[in-house]
Amino acid sequence: MEGRLKWSGTEVAANGARRCYGADSHTNHCCEDATRPRNVAAALKERNYLERLASMVIGQQKQYIPIFVGSTFEDLKDYRRAVRDALSQLETIVRGMEYFGSKPGSPIEECLKAVRSCKVYIGIFGMRYGSVPDGYDRSMTHLEYEEAQRQGLPSLVYLIDDQNQPVLPRFVETGPGAEKLKSLKDELRKHHMVSFFTTPEDLAAKILHDVPEVLKSIGTKVEGSLDLGKSEDAIDLLRKYKLLPKRYRGREMEIEFENMANFHSVNAELAEAMDVEAGASIQDYLELTNNEHFYVYAENDIAEEVLAIPKGARVRARAITLFGVVRHVDWGEDGPITRPEECTGLLLKRIAKVERP
């Protein structure tokens, strides 16, 4: 690869017009909310970051893996930053990547062209519908999503957990936009296995969990392991997690346990609450080496690996904390009564060592 890596962002002209610079394979964010002047400074900061990243990879053989990240901007900028930082880790586990540029044009043309350039779509949806371009009845974020579906891009969709994550009033859509946002989210739930996020850290953890599997599904060679954040002392982290599971979900740690060979399938209701794949996940209630008991989950390839471990073997693995809420329905004299139940557990991410009995 020659030259400098390209950068994506928006430029605001004196008359308020918006222009896309280009796109990068981490975060193609075009056009949304670019009329806010302070976004230019933020975009320049991101440009400097990406150029520093470029200096580390220029000269290597790159694989072309552009990923489009679509969302509104101002309300989700902290989340976008977390996603950008998470995706930058793919520099170490994917066999290289290459940035691409887009030619000047109208904002909507350039944004949709960027979508068509990509191989994976990530959609992040908060409580704003977004700006609607002149001549259209859908927001830019909505149009980007529809273009990704027309192109048949593998799509990961994340919705903010509005029941558990506070949102500033100015970032909550009202009026006709609120109805359009509701319809869009209904469409997303109908056509995708959506995931819900709370904090930027929670979203980043989900991205790190989901993206490598999507890359593998399109034939990308993925090696090594992801850094899911600086590890805390496992015993102290587990103590905090038991007390504040929602606040401490998505944290990584190393755990050890004895395999009792009692893993069983995770039902669909629990799989949805814990954000693991239904029909491809297993769980067991195990005692860790610190004498604490937790539900331990595994999915897909890791689940296959766990099932091959003999009974009585000592297992050391990397895992992340999970949190979800299952809503049970009981029937009383006055009709149905919904009873929420908190669910916690540890999702295995990598088997580090197995000591056979």
Foldseek 3Di string as FASTA:
>chain_A
DDDFAFAWDWDQDPVRAIKIWFAFQQEHEFDFPPSPVVVVVVRVVVVVVVRVLRVVCPPADADAAREYEFEHDPQCVLLSVLSSVLSSQQCPWFRHHGTDTDDIDHRLVRLLVSLLSHQAYEYEYEQFQTDCDPPDPGHSRLVSVVSNVVSVHHYAYEYEPPVPADGDPVRHDDDPRNVVSVVVVVVCVVPHLYHYAHDSLRSSLVCQVPVVVSCVVVPTRTDDHGDSDDADDPVVLVVVCVVPVVVQFSHKDKWKFFAQLPKDADDPLVCSFQVHDHPFKIWDWTQIPVRDTFIEMEGDPVVVVSNPADGGKMWIFMWTKTKGKGWDWDADPVGIDTDIDIHIHIYTDGTDDIGHD
